Amino acid sequence: MKRRNFIKNATLTGTGLALGSTLASCMDIVTNKESATLAIDENTSKAALPLVIATWNVKNSTAKAWEVLQNGGSALDAVEQGCMVEEADETGQSVGKGGLPDRDGHVTLDACIMDKHGNCGSVVFLENVVHAVSVARKVMEDTPHVMLAGKGAEEFAYEKGFPKENLLTEASKKAWEEWKKTSEYKPIINIENHDTIGMLAIDKNGDISGACTTSGLAYKMHGRVGDSPIIGSGLFVDNEIGACVATGLGEEVVKTVGSFLVVELMRQGKSPQEACEEAIKRIVSKPNSNYRDFQVGYIAVNKKGETGYYAIHKGFSMTKYQDGINENLEATNYLNG
């Protein structure tokens, strides 16, 4: 373009003017061909929509989100309802009802949600309400705030019609009582004592939303909050670029504002996979990092529907529902490639 503009704008006469016009026409032809090629490349590289991805092996959740999208629902509806499946599953001891408690025996939930407009809602340290992700959506849609905490979040949930329910199941209570015999407080890599479900979806209109919900680190200090409900750390959505969600040891994600970092790396031109890998490297390259002792994983999607997923240790996976196929995919990792 610069060359063509220079030729067009230069003061030329006689043969020089004719030559300039000829060259300008040639450049127009080349530019048009390049534009056509770029358009073809963009169309051919665009993934099939709709699309759902989630952290870990959660096929029931992605199936629910896919069903919502297939029935014409929005990406926001899809991620909320997909996460609700895990929150209601008492056998999964990391999310919602049946989550492992803190060291004092309290099950406390954290969740957030973010829509295509950049609106977001979050609840932290929420007790006695199963569907924290839905309460987070109510915070986003029905209040002027982004985040509600503790008793305030719980009272707000009751005002919105959410039922009060004991979240500590017998199985989780027994696990907590067994833990109290030694009271060893140590994150265990890829074991569901520090896990999350994070979900991202793109609907048929190409709009992106995301959600994240967790019962947090098992046997944590009473009142501890990790990255999951923190916009920019546990989840970030930019409908022009893409989205990311994190899982693992939340303290380490917060230190690098991980999900925001992944989206910004995509804004700079990196693929979702490259962005996830770079964000993990930021964690492990911190001075005196003890990354061999904890797990962090990211999943991401860009506006074209390309996905990425990466972790520090092996064992992390992503569930993807696309083109009618619901599959769990093992992630590559920093330590083992």
C-alpha atoms as a PDB file:
ATOM      1  CA  MET A   1       0.000   0.000   0.000  1.00  0.00           C
ATOM      2  CA  LYS A   2       2.767   2.444   0.844  1.00  0.00           C
ATOM      3  CA  ARG A   3       4.488   1.835  -2.460  1.00  0.00           C
ATOM      4  CA  ARG A   4       1.258   2.276  -4.406  1.00  0.00           C
ATOM      5  CA  ASN A   5       0.336   5.462  -2.586  1.00  0.00           C
ATOM      6  CA  PHE A   6       3.808   6.855  -3.170  1.00  0.00           C
ATOM      7  CA  ILE A   7       3.548   6.162  -6.897  1.00  0.00           C
ATOM      8  CA  LYS A   8       0.066   7.682  -7.089  1.00  0.00           C
ATOM      9  CA  ASN A   9       0.955  10.802  -5.125  1.00  0.00           C
ATOM     10  CA  ALA A  10       4.372  11.545  -6.601  1.00  0.00           C
ATOM     11  CA  THR A  11       4.665  14.390  -9.121  1.00  0.00           C
ATOM     12  CA  LEU A  12       5.474  12.663 -12.377  1.00  0.00           C
ATOM     13  CA  THR A  13       5.262  13.743 -16.007  1.00  0.00           C
ATOM     14  CA  GLY A  14       5.385  12.097 -19.463  1.00  0.00           C
ATOM     15  CA  THR A  15       6.663   8.579 -19.438  1.00  0.00           C
ATOM     16  CA  GLY A  16       7.137   8.673 -15.700  1.00  0.00           C
ATOM     17  CA  LEU A  17       3.411   9.367 -15.181  1.00  0.00           C
ATOM     18  CA  ALA A  18       2.415   6.569 -17.540  1.00  0.00           C
ATOM     19  CA  LEU A  19       4.800   4.208 -15.810  1.00  0.00           C
ATOM     20  CA  GLY A  20       3.461   5.244 -12.441  1.00  0.00           C
ATOM     21  CA  SER A  21      -0.122   4.592 -13.535  1.00  0.00           C
ATOM     22  CA  THR A  22       0.826   1.171 -14.902  1.00  0.00           C
ATOM     23  CA  LEU A  23       2.614   0.208 -11.719  1.00  0.00           C
ATOM     24  CA  ALA A  24      -0.278   1.451  -9.622  1.00  0.00           C
ATOM     25  CA  SER A  25      -2.714  -0.710 -11.609  1.00  0.00           C
ATOM     26  CA  CYS A  26      -0.461  -3.714 -11.180  1.00  0.00           C
ATOM     27  CA  MET A  27      -0.271  -3.111  -7.457  1.00  0.00           C
ATOM     28  CA  ASP A  28      -4.080  -2.861  -7.285  1.00  0.00           C
ATOM     29  CA  ILE A  29      -4.365  -6.234  -9.014  1.00  0.00           C
ATOM     30  CA  VAL A  30      -1.844  -7.804  -6.649  1.00  0.00           C
ATOM     31  CA  THR A  31      -3.555  -6.280  -3.619  1.00  0.00           C
ATOM     32  CA  ASN A  32      -6.969  -7.502  -4.752  1.00  0.00           C
ATOM     33  CA  LYS A  33      -5.565 -10.999  -5.239  1.00  0.00           C
ATOM     34  CA  GLU A  34      -3.984 -10.866  -1.790  1.00  0.00           C
ATOM     35  CA  SER A  35      -7.273  -9.716  -0.255  1.00  0.00           C
ATOM     36  CA  ALA A  36      -9.135 -12.532  -1.949  1.00  0.00           C
ATOM     37  CA  THR A  37      -6.559 -15.043  -0.737  1.00  0.00           C
ATOM     38  CA  LEU A  38      -6.816 -13.745   2.834  1.00  0.00           C
ATOM     39  CA  ALA A  39     -10.594 -13.992   2.694  1.00  0.00           C
ATOM     40  CA  ILE A  40     -10.389 -17.570   1.456  1.00  0.00           C
ATOM     41  CA  ASP A  41      -7.859 -18.464   4.144  1.00  0.00           C
ATOM     42  CA  GLU A  42     -10.028 -16.920   6.842  1.00  0.00           C
ATOM     43  CA  ASN A  43     -13.107 -18.795   5.685  1.00  0.00           C
ATOM     44  CA  THR A  44     -11.330 -22.111   5.363  1.00  0.00           C
ATOM     45  CA  SER A  45      -9.671 -21.814   8.776  1.00  0.00           C
ATOM     46  CA  LYS A  46     -12.857 -20.887  10.609  1.00  0.00           C
ATOM     47  CA  ALA A  47     -13.996 -23.710  12.847  1.00  0.00           C
ATOM     48  CA  ALA A  48     -17.521 -25.084  12.850  1.00  0.00           C
ATOM     49  CA  LEU A  49     -19.902 -23.345  15.226  1.00  0.00           C
ATOM     50  CA  PRO A  50     -21.385 -23.704  17.768  1.00  0.00           C
ATOM     51  CA  LEU A  51     -18.609 -24.903  20.034  1.00  0.00           C
ATOM     52  CA  VAL A  52     -18.233 -25.778  23.719  1.00  0.00           C
ATOM     53  CA  ILE A  53     -15.044 -26.476  25.664  1.00  0.00           C
ATOM     54  CA  ALA A  54     -14.529 -27.148  29.374  1.00  0.00           C
ATOM     55  CA  THR A  55     -11.792 -28.051  31.806  1.00  0.00           C
ATOM     56  CA  TRP A  56     -11.339 -31.718  32.709  1.00  0.00           C
ATOM     57  CA  ASN A  57     -13.509 -34.684  31.721  1.00  0.00           C
ATOM     58  CA  VAL A  58     -17.037 -33.305  32.014  1.00  0.00           C
ATOM     59  CA  LYS A  59     -18.931 -34.737  29.058  1.00  0.00           C
ATOM     60  CA  ASN A  60     -22.299 -34.464  30.778  1.00  0.00           C
ATOM     61  CA  SER A  61     -21.757 -30.754  31.229  1.00  0.00           C
ATOM     62  CA  THR A  62     -20.624 -30.100  27.681  1.00  0.00           C
ATOM     63  CA  ALA A  63     -23.523 -32.209  26.398  1.00  0.00           C
ATOM     64  CA  LYS A  64     -25.962 -29.985  28.270  1.00  0.00           C
ATOM     65  CA  ALA A  65     -24.321 -26.815  26.956  1.00  0.00           C
ATOM     66  CA  TRP A  66     -24.381 -28.219  23.422  1.00  0.00           C
ATOM     67  CA  GLU A  67     -28.067 -29.033  23.767  1.00  0.00           C
ATOM     68  CA  VAL A  68     -28.762 -25.424  24.759  1.00  0.00           C
ATOM     69  CA  LEU A  69     -26.858 -24.126  21.745  1.00  0.00           C
ATOM     70  CA  GLN A  70     -28.542 -26.558  19.361  1.00  0.00           C
ATOM     71  CA  ASN A  71     -31.911 -25.345  20.585  1.00  0.00           C
ATOM     72  CA  GLY A  72     -31.014 -21.769  19.740  1.00  0.00           C
ATOM     73  CA  GLY A  73     -29.831 -20.688  23.187  1.00  0.00           C
ATOM     74  CA  SER A  74     -27.073 -18.158  23.702  1.00  0.00           C
ATOM     75  CA  ALA A  75     -23.512 -18.932  24.696  1.00  0.00           C
ATOM     76  CA  LEU A  76     -24.302 -17.375  28.085  1.00  0.00           C
ATOM     77  CA  ASP A  77     -27.219 -19.755  28.664  1.00  0.00           C
ATOM     78  CA  ALA A  78     -25.062 -22.656  27.544  1.00  0.00           C
ATOM     79  CA  VAL A  79     -22.173 -22.080  29.958  1.00  0.00           C
ATOM     80  CA  GLU A  80     -24.498 -21.469  32.891  1.00  0.00           C
ATOM     81  CA  GLN A  81     -26.536 -24.612  32.325  1.00  0.00           C
ATOM     82  CA  GLY A  82     -23.471 -26.676  31.524  1.00  0.00           C
ATOM     83  CA  CYS A  83     -21.788 -25.682  34.793  1.00  0.00           C
ATOM     84  CA  MET A  84     -24.998 -26.349  36.725  1.00  0.00           C
ATOM     85  CA  VAL A  85     -24.723 -30.030  35.809  1.00  0.00           C
ATOM     86  CA  GLU A  86     -21.449 -30.336  37.719  1.00  0.00           C
ATOM     87  CA  GLU A  87     -22.702 -28.220  40.612  1.00  0.00           C
ATOM     88  CA  ALA A  88     -25.602 -30.637  41.135  1.00  0.00           C
ATOM     89  CA  ASP A  89     -23.450 -33.789  40.860  1.00  0.00           C
ATOM     90  CA  GLU A  90     -22.791 -34.935  44.418  1.00  0.00           C
ATOM     91  CA  THR A  91     -20.213 -37.492  43.303  1.00  0.00           C
ATOM     92  CA  GLY A  92     -17.827 -34.820  42.040  1.00  0.00           C
ATOM     93  CA  GLN A  93     -16.204 -33.438  45.177  1.00  0.00           C
ATOM     94  CA  SER A  94     -14.854 -30.234  43.684  1.00  0.00           C
ATOM     95  CA  VAL A  95     -17.910 -28.270  42.552  1.00  0.00           C
ATOM     96  CA  GLY A  96     -21.237 -27.393  44.155  1.00  0.00           C
ATOM     97  CA  LYS A  97     -23.082 -29.880  46.345  1.00  0.00           C
ATOM     98  CA  GLY A  98     -20.760 -32.511  47.773  1.00  0.00           C
ATOM     99  CA  GLY A  99     -17.691 -30.330  47.408  1.00  0.00           C
ATOM    100  CA  LEU A 100     -14.939 -30.993  49.914  1.00  0.00           C
ATOM    101  CA  PRO A 101     -15.111 -28.552  52.837  1.00  0.00           C
ATOM    102  CA  ASP A 102     -12.597 -26.185  54.358  1.00  0.00           C
ATOM    103  CA  ARG A 103     -10.618 -27.275  57.435  1.00  0.00           C
ATOM    104  CA  ASP A 104     -13.534 -26.268  59.664  1.00  0.00           C
ATOM    105  CA  GLY A 105     -16.070 -28.396  57.770  1.00  0.00           C
ATOM    106  CA  HIS A 106     -17.771 -25.653  55.747  1.00  0.00           C
ATOM    107  CA  VAL A 107     -18.418 -26.093  52.011  1.00  0.00           C
ATOM    108  CA  THR A 108     -17.920 -22.657  50.445  1.00  0.00           C
ATOM    109  CA  LEU A 109     -18.408 -21.965  46.754  1.00  0.00           C
ATOM    110  CA  ASP A 110     -16.884 -19.475  44.305  1.00  0.00           C
ATOM    111  CA  ALA A 111     -18.155 -18.779  40.790  1.00  0.00           C
ATOM    112  CA  CYS A 112     -18.214 -16.205  38.030  1.00  0.00           C
ATOM    113  CA  ILE A 113     -19.773 -15.674  34.625  1.00  0.00           C
ATOM    114  CA  MET A 114     -19.037 -13.291  31.746  1.00  0.00           C
ATOM    115  CA  ASP A 115     -21.030 -12.453  28.614  1.00  0.00           C
ATOM    116  CA  LYS A 116     -20.301 -11.241  25.094  1.00  0.00           C
ATOM    117  CA  HIS A 117     -20.549  -7.586  26.125  1.00  0.00           C
ATOM    118  CA  GLY A 118     -17.923  -7.895  28.835  1.00  0.00           C
ATOM    119  CA  ASN A 119     -20.530  -7.845  31.601  1.00  0.00           C
ATOM    120  CA  CYS A 120     -19.638 -10.101  34.506  1.00  0.00           C
ATOM    121  CA  GLY A 121     -20.854 -11.327  37.856  1.00  0.00           C
ATOM    122  CA  SER A 122     -19.193 -13.199  40.679  1.00  0.00           C
ATOM    123  CA  VAL A 123     -19.846 -14.730  44.087  1.00  0.00           C
ATOM    124  CA  VAL A 124     -17.197 -15.701  46.622  1.00  0.00           C
ATOM    125  CA  PHE A 125     -17.363 -17.623  49.893  1.00  0.00           C
ATOM    126  CA  LEU A 126     -20.989 -18.594  49.232  1.00  0.00           C
ATOM    127  CA  GLU A 127     -22.581 -21.188  51.532  1.00  0.00           C
ATOM    128  CA  ASN A 128     -25.804 -23.228  51.452  1.00  0.00           C
ATOM    129  CA  VAL A 129     -26.673 -22.564  47.786  1.00  0.00           C
ATOM    130  CA  VAL A 130     -25.943 -25.215  45.148  1.00  0.00           C
ATOM    131  CA  HIS A 131     -25.891 -23.198  41.940  1.00  0.00           C
ATOM    132  CA  ALA A 132     -23.275 -20.552  42.580  1.00  0.00           C
ATOM    133  CA  VAL A 133     -22.874 -19.890  38.855  1.00  0.00           C
ATOM    134  CA  SER A 134     -26.529 -18.905  38.592  1.00  0.00           C
ATOM    135  CA  VAL A 135     -26.232 -16.588  41.579  1.00  0.00           C
ATOM    136  CA  ALA A 136     -23.231 -15.004  39.833  1.00  0.00           C
ATOM    137  CA  ARG A 137     -25.383 -14.418  36.763  1.00  0.00           C
ATOM    138  CA  LYS A 138     -28.013 -12.729  38.914  1.00  0.00           C
ATOM    139  CA  VAL A 139     -25.307 -10.471  40.359  1.00  0.00           C
ATOM    140  CA  MET A 140     -24.347  -9.529  36.797  1.00  0.00           C
ATOM    141  CA  GLU A 141     -27.860  -8.932  35.551  1.00  0.00           C
ATOM    142  CA  ASP A 142     -29.763  -7.653  38.586  1.00  0.00           C
ATOM    143  CA  THR A 143     -27.276  -5.545  40.539  1.00  0.00           C
ATOM    144  CA  PRO A 144     -24.903  -2.642  39.816  1.00  0.00           C
ATOM    145  CA  HIS A 145     -22.050  -4.760  41.220  1.00  0.00           C
ATOM    146  CA  VAL A 146     -19.644  -7.362  39.894  1.00  0.00           C
ATOM    147  CA  MET A 147     -19.014  -9.355  43.072  1.00  0.00           C
ATOM    148  CA  LEU A 148     -20.877 -10.320  46.234  1.00  0.00           C
ATOM    149  CA  ALA A 149     -19.267 -12.235  49.107  1.00  0.00           C
ATOM    150  CA  GLY A 150     -20.155 -14.435  52.052  1.00  0.00           C
ATOM    151  CA  LYS A 151     -23.368 -13.746  53.913  1.00  0.00           C
ATOM    152  CA  GLY A 152     -24.227 -10.912  51.541  1.00  0.00           C
ATOM    153  CA  ALA A 153     -24.071 -13.255  48.568  1.00  0.00           C
ATOM    154  CA  GLU A 154     -26.076 -15.888  50.439  1.00  0.00           C
ATOM    155  CA  GLU A 155     -28.825 -13.437  51.428  1.00  0.00           C
ATOM    156  CA  PHE A 156     -28.970 -12.138  47.854  1.00  0.00           C
ATOM    157  CA  ALA A 157     -29.415 -15.693  46.585  1.00  0.00           C
ATOM    158  CA  TYR A 158     -32.368 -16.280  48.908  1.00  0.00           C
ATOM    159  CA  GLU A 159     -33.926 -12.996  47.787  1.00  0.00           C
ATOM    160  CA  LYS A 160     -33.708 -14.276  44.211  1.00  0.00           C
ATOM    161  CA  GLY A 161     -35.459 -17.500  45.084  1.00  0.00           C
ATOM    162  CA  PHE A 162     -32.549 -19.913  45.441  1.00  0.00           C
ATOM    163  CA  PRO A 163     -33.288 -22.592  48.066  1.00  0.00           C
ATOM    164  CA  LYS A 164     -31.138 -23.127  51.139  1.00  0.00           C
ATOM    165  CA  GLU A 165     -29.481 -26.524  51.140  1.00  0.00           C
ATOM    166  CA  ASN A 166     -26.783 -28.293  53.122  1.00  0.00           C
ATOM    167  CA  LEU A 167     -23.862 -28.789  50.727  1.00  0.00           C
ATOM    168  CA  LEU A 168     -21.845 -31.172  52.913  1.00  0.00           C
ATOM    169  CA  THR A 169     -22.718 -34.720  51.841  1.00  0.00           C
ATOM    170  CA  GLU A 170     -21.929 -37.780  53.932  1.00  0.00           C
ATOM    171  CA  ALA A 171     -19.135 -38.777  51.559  1.00  0.00           C
ATOM    172  CA  SER A 172     -17.420 -35.406  51.819  1.00  0.00           C
ATOM    173  CA  LYS A 173     -17.956 -35.308  55.584  1.00  0.00           C
ATOM    174  CA  LYS A 174     -16.246 -38.683  55.947  1.00  0.00           C
ATOM    175  CA  ALA A 175     -13.336 -37.512  53.779  1.00  0.00           C
ATOM    176  CA  TRP A 176     -12.973 -34.396  55.936  1.00  0.00           C
ATOM    177  CA  GLU A 177     -13.018 -36.432  59.164  1.00  0.00           C
ATOM    178  CA  GLU A 178     -10.340 -38.716  57.754  1.00  0.00           C
ATOM    179  CA  TRP A 179      -8.254 -35.679  56.773  1.00  0.00           C
ATOM    180  CA  LYS A 180      -8.476 -34.285  60.316  1.00  0.00           C
ATOM    181  CA  LYS A 181      -6.479 -37.250  61.628  1.00  0.00           C
ATOM    182  CA  THR A 182      -3.329 -35.762  60.113  1.00  0.00           C
ATOM    183  CA  SER A 183      -4.537 -32.286  59.045  1.00  0.00           C
ATOM    184  CA  GLU A 184      -1.935 -32.215  56.265  1.00  0.00           C
ATOM    185  CA  TYR A 185      -2.585 -29.220  54.055  1.00  0.00           C
ATOM    186  CA  LYS A 186      -1.001 -29.839  50.674  1.00  0.00           C
ATOM    187  CA  PRO A 187      -2.386 -29.498  47.132  1.00  0.00           C
ATOM    188  CA  ILE A 188      -2.295 -32.841  45.341  1.00  0.00           C
ATOM    189  CA  ILE A 189      -1.638 -32.569  41.625  1.00  0.00           C
ATOM    190  CA  ASN A 190      -4.661 -33.480  39.475  1.00  0.00           C
ATOM    191  CA  ILE A 191      -6.595 -34.822  42.459  1.00  0.00           C
ATOM    192  CA  GLU A 192      -9.978 -33.214  42.954  1.00  0.00           C
ATOM    193  CA  ASN A 193      -9.035 -31.223  46.030  1.00  0.00           C
ATOM    194  CA  HIS A 194      -8.330 -28.087  44.041  1.00  0.00           C
ATOM    195  CA  ASP A 195     -10.383 -28.509  40.928  1.00  0.00           C
ATOM    196  CA  THR A 196     -12.876 -26.445  38.989  1.00  0.00           C
ATOM    197  CA  ILE A 197     -15.164 -26.584  36.029  1.00  0.00           C
ATOM    198  CA  GLY A 198     -14.514 -23.749  33.647  1.00  0.00           C
ATOM    199  CA  MET A 199     -16.531 -23.580  30.433  1.00  0.00           C
ATOM    200  CA  LEU A 200     -16.381 -21.476  27.269  1.00  0.00           C
ATOM    201  CA  ALA A 201     -18.902 -21.463  24.444  1.00  0.00           C
ATOM    202  CA  ILE A 202     -19.404 -19.837  21.060  1.00  0.00           C
ATOM    203  CA  ASP A 203     -22.961 -19.803  19.752  1.00  0.00           C
ATOM    204  CA  LYS A 204     -24.124 -19.890  16.139  1.00  0.00           C
ATOM    205  CA  ASN A 205     -23.866 -16.084  15.977  1.00  0.00           C
ATOM    206  CA  GLY A 206     -20.177 -16.256  16.845  1.00  0.00           C
ATOM    207  CA  ASP A 207     -20.656 -14.706  20.284  1.00  0.00           C
ATOM    208  CA  ILE A 208     -18.560 -15.930  23.218  1.00  0.00           C
ATOM    209  CA  SER A 209     -19.386 -16.365  26.909  1.00  0.00           C
ATOM    210  CA  GLY A 210     -17.721 -18.162  29.795  1.00  0.00           C
ATOM    211  CA  ALA A 211     -18.303 -19.388  33.332  1.00  0.00           C
ATOM    212  CA  CYS A 212     -16.319 -20.913  36.153  1.00  0.00           C
ATOM    213  CA  THR A 213     -17.458 -22.579  39.396  1.00  0.00           C
ATOM    214  CA  THR A 214     -15.711 -24.435  42.224  1.00  0.00           C
ATOM    215  CA  SER A 215     -15.771 -25.426  45.874  1.00  0.00           C
ATOM    216  CA  GLY A 216     -12.125 -24.429  46.023  1.00  0.00           C
ATOM    217  CA  LEU A 217      -9.156 -26.039  47.654  1.00  0.00           C
ATOM    218  CA  ALA A 218     -10.140 -28.864  49.966  1.00  0.00           C
ATOM    219  CA  TYR A 219      -9.392 -28.229  53.635  1.00  0.00           C
ATOM    220  CA  LYS A 220      -8.421 -24.623  52.915  1.00  0.00           C
ATOM    221  CA  MET A 221      -8.397 -21.958  55.601  1.00  0.00           C
ATOM    222  CA  HIS A 222     -11.891 -20.718  56.365  1.00  0.00           C
ATOM    223  CA  GLY A 223     -12.529 -17.764  54.061  1.00  0.00           C
ATOM    224  CA  ARG A 224      -9.952 -18.624  51.397  1.00  0.00           C
ATOM    225  CA  VAL A 225     -10.840 -17.602  47.835  1.00  0.00           C
ATOM    226  CA  GLY A 226      -8.862 -18.685  44.777  1.00  0.00           C
ATOM    227  CA  ASP A 227      -8.787 -17.522  41.181  1.00  0.00           C
ATOM    228  CA  SER A 228     -12.063 -19.032  39.971  1.00  0.00           C
ATOM    229  CA  PRO A 229     -14.392 -16.090  40.763  1.00  0.00           C
ATOM    230  CA  ILE A 230     -11.823 -13.423  39.920  1.00  0.00           C
ATOM    231  CA  ILE A 231     -12.479 -11.872  36.513  1.00  0.00           C
ATOM    232  CA  GLY A 232      -9.206 -11.781  34.603  1.00  0.00           C
ATOM    233  CA  SER A 233      -7.632 -14.566  36.633  1.00  0.00           C
ATOM    234  CA  GLY A 234      -9.979 -17.551  36.589  1.00  0.00           C
ATOM    235  CA  LEU A 235     -11.969 -16.343  33.562  1.00  0.00           C
ATOM    236  CA  PHE A 236     -11.828 -13.658  30.909  1.00  0.00           C
ATOM    237  CA  VAL A 237     -13.919 -13.087  27.781  1.00  0.00           C
ATOM    238  CA  ASP A 238     -13.291 -10.559  25.026  1.00  0.00           C
ATOM    239  CA  ASN A 239     -15.843 -11.111  22.289  1.00  0.00           C
ATOM    240  CA  GLU A 240     -13.583  -9.469  19.691  1.00  0.00           C
ATOM    241  CA  ILE A 241     -10.654 -11.786  20.428  1.00  0.00           C
ATOM    242  CA  GLY A 242     -11.521 -14.901  22.417  1.00  0.00           C
ATOM    243  CA  ALA A 243     -11.735 -16.290  25.938  1.00  0.00           C
ATOM    244  CA  CYS A 244      -9.816 -18.305  28.511  1.00  0.00           C
ATOM    245  CA  VAL A 245     -10.501 -20.130  31.748  1.00  0.00           C
ATOM    246  CA  ALA A 246      -8.064 -21.549  34.300  1.00  0.00           C
ATOM    247  CA  THR A 247      -7.965 -24.460  36.726  1.00  0.00           C
ATOM    248  CA  GLY A 248      -5.550 -25.722  39.340  1.00  0.00           C
ATOM    249  CA  LEU A 249      -3.873 -23.889  42.215  1.00  0.00           C
ATOM    250  CA  GLY A 250      -5.632 -20.534  42.103  1.00  0.00           C
ATOM    251  CA  GLU A 251      -3.022 -18.574  44.009  1.00  0.00           C
ATOM    252  CA  GLU A 252      -0.567 -19.121  41.175  1.00  0.00           C
ATOM    253  CA  VAL A 253      -3.084 -18.096  38.509  1.00  0.00           C
ATOM    254  CA  VAL A 254      -3.884 -14.857  40.336  1.00  0.00           C
ATOM    255  CA  LYS A 255      -0.209 -13.888  40.470  1.00  0.00           C
ATOM    256  CA  THR A 256      -0.053 -13.634  36.678  1.00  0.00           C
ATOM    257  CA  VAL A 257      -3.724 -12.670  36.016  1.00  0.00           C
ATOM    258  CA  GLY A 258      -3.681 -15.788  33.879  1.00  0.00           C
ATOM    259  CA  SER A 259      -6.871 -15.774  31.821  1.00  0.00           C
ATOM    260  CA  PHE A 260      -6.552 -12.113  30.904  1.00  0.00           C
ATOM    261  CA  LEU A 261      -2.947 -12.785  29.912  1.00  0.00           C
ATOM    262  CA  VAL A 262      -3.971 -15.594  27.555  1.00  0.00           C
ATOM    263  CA  VAL A 263      -6.577 -13.406  25.832  1.00  0.00           C
ATOM    264  CA  GLU A 264      -4.122 -10.529  25.462  1.00  0.00           C
ATOM    265  CA  LEU A 265      -1.557 -12.880  23.941  1.00  0.00           C
ATOM    266  CA  MET A 266      -4.194 -13.922  21.405  1.00  0.00           C
ATOM    267  CA  ARG A 267      -4.849 -10.252  20.725  1.00  0.00           C
ATOM    268  CA  GLN A 268      -1.157  -9.938  19.853  1.00  0.00           C
ATOM    269  CA  GLY A 269      -1.520 -12.680  17.247  1.00  0.00           C
ATOM    270  CA  LYS A 270      -0.787 -15.902  19.086  1.00  0.00           C
ATOM    271  CA  SER A 271      -2.997 -18.923  18.559  1.00  0.00           C
ATOM    272  CA  PRO A 272      -4.968 -20.192  21.578  1.00  0.00           C
ATOM    273  CA  GLN A 273      -2.475 -23.013  21.993  1.00  0.00           C
ATOM    274  CA  GLU A 274       0.525 -20.689  21.838  1.00  0.00           C
ATOM    275  CA  ALA A 275      -1.122 -18.303  24.282  1.00  0.00           C
ATOM    276  CA  CYS A 276      -1.858 -21.066  26.806  1.00  0.00           C
ATOM    277  CA  GLU A 277       1.714 -22.314  26.587  1.00  0.00           C
ATOM    278  CA  GLU A 278       3.155 -18.833  27.090  1.00  0.00           C
ATOM    279  CA  ALA A 279       0.919 -18.215  30.123  1.00  0.00           C
ATOM    280  CA  ILE A 280       2.129 -21.455  31.738  1.00  0.00           C
ATOM    281  CA  LYS A 281       5.725 -20.466  31.062  1.00  0.00           C
ATOM    282  CA  ARG A 282       5.105 -17.174  32.873  1.00  0.00           C
ATOM    283  CA  ILE A 283       4.212 -19.180  35.975  1.00  0.00           C
ATOM    284  CA  VAL A 284       7.072 -21.652  35.895  1.00  0.00           C
ATOM    285  CA  SER A 285       9.675 -19.002  35.056  1.00  0.00           C
ATOM    286  CA  LYS A 286       8.906 -16.887  38.129  1.00  0.00           C
ATOM    287  CA  PRO A 287      11.915 -16.672  40.471  1.00  0.00           C
ATOM    288  CA  ASN A 288      11.927 -19.508  43.005  1.00  0.00           C
ATOM    289  CA  SER A 289       8.775 -21.039  41.564  1.00  0.00           C
ATOM    290  CA  ASN A 290       7.947 -24.438  43.054  1.00  0.00           C
ATOM    291  CA  TYR A 291       5.874 -25.356  39.992  1.00  0.00           C
ATOM    292  CA  ARG A 292       6.774 -29.040  40.307  1.00  0.00           C
ATOM    293  CA  ASP A 293       4.567 -29.161  43.380  1.00  0.00           C
ATOM    294  CA  PHE A 294       1.334 -27.796  41.907  1.00  0.00           C
ATOM    295  CA  GLN A 295      -0.831 -27.926  38.794  1.00  0.00           C
ATOM    296  CA  VAL A 296      -2.239 -25.122  36.645  1.00  0.00           C
ATOM    297  CA  GLY A 297      -4.053 -25.652  33.371  1.00  0.00           C
ATOM    298  CA  TYR A 298      -5.610 -23.307  30.810  1.00  0.00           C
ATOM    299  CA  ILE A 299      -8.133 -23.755  28.037  1.00  0.00           C
ATOM    300  CA  ALA A 300      -8.803 -21.055  25.448  1.00  0.00           C
ATOM    301  CA  VAL A 301     -10.741 -20.310  22.284  1.00  0.00           C
ATOM    302  CA  ASN A 302     -10.406 -17.508  19.757  1.00  0.00           C
ATOM    303  CA  LYS A 303     -13.027 -15.768  17.662  1.00  0.00           C
ATOM    304  CA  LYS A 304     -12.494 -18.200  14.780  1.00  0.00           C
ATOM    305  CA  GLY A 305     -13.267 -21.173  17.009  1.00  0.00           C
ATOM    306  CA  GLU A 306      -9.681 -22.405  17.288  1.00  0.00           C
ATOM    307  CA  THR A 307      -8.903 -23.923  20.691  1.00  0.00           C
ATOM    308  CA  GLY A 308      -5.894 -24.457  22.935  1.00  0.00           C
ATOM    309  CA  TYR A 309      -5.180 -26.264  26.198  1.00  0.00           C
ATOM    310  CA  TYR A 310      -1.999 -26.695  28.205  1.00  0.00           C
ATOM    311  CA  ALA A 311      -0.822 -27.417  31.747  1.00  0.00           C
ATOM    312  CA  ILE A 312       2.274 -27.672  33.902  1.00  0.00           C
ATOM    313  CA  HIS A 313       1.934 -31.395  34.635  1.00  0.00           C
ATOM    314  CA  LYS A 314       0.472 -34.286  32.703  1.00  0.00           C
ATOM    315  CA  GLY A 315      -3.030 -35.415  33.589  1.00  0.00           C
ATOM    316  CA  PHE A 316      -4.947 -32.271  32.631  1.00  0.00           C
ATOM    317  CA  SER A 317      -7.582 -32.548  29.911  1.00  0.00           C
ATOM    318  CA  MET A 318     -10.185 -30.542  28.019  1.00  0.00           C
ATOM    319  CA  THR A 319     -13.638 -31.672  26.937  1.00  0.00           C
ATOM    320  CA  LYS A 320     -14.779 -30.328  23.569  1.00  0.00           C
ATOM    321  CA  TYR A 321     -18.160 -30.586  21.878  1.00  0.00           C
ATOM    322  CA  GLN A 322     -18.038 -29.602  18.206  1.00  0.00           C
ATOM    323  CA  ASP A 323     -19.485 -30.959  14.962  1.00  0.00           C
ATOM    324  CA  GLY A 324     -21.672 -33.303  16.989  1.00  0.00           C
ATOM    325  CA  ILE A 325     -18.658 -34.931  18.683  1.00  0.00           C
ATOM    326  CA  ASN A 326     -18.262 -34.791  22.469  1.00  0.00           C
ATOM    327  CA  GLU A 327     -14.686 -35.789  23.304  1.00  0.00           C
ATOM    328  CA  ASN A 328     -12.146 -35.522  26.089  1.00  0.00           C
ATOM    329  CA  LEU A 329      -8.656 -34.505  24.982  1.00  0.00           C
ATOM    330  CA  GLU A 330      -5.468 -34.986  26.962  1.00  0.00           C
ATOM    331  CA  ALA A 331      -3.410 -31.806  27.174  1.00  0.00           C
ATOM    332  CA  THR A 332       0.281 -31.520  26.475  1.00  0.00           C
ATOM    333  CA  ASN A 333       2.260 -30.108  29.367  1.00  0.00           C
ATOM    334  CA  TYR A 334       5.350 -28.155  30.301  1.00  0.00           C
ATOM    335  CA  LEU A 335       7.179 -30.952  32.110  1.00  0.00           C
ATOM    336  CA  ASN A 336       6.568 -33.790  29.663  1.00  0.00           C
ATOM    337  CA  GLY A 337       5.869 -32.059  26.374  1.00  0.00           C
END
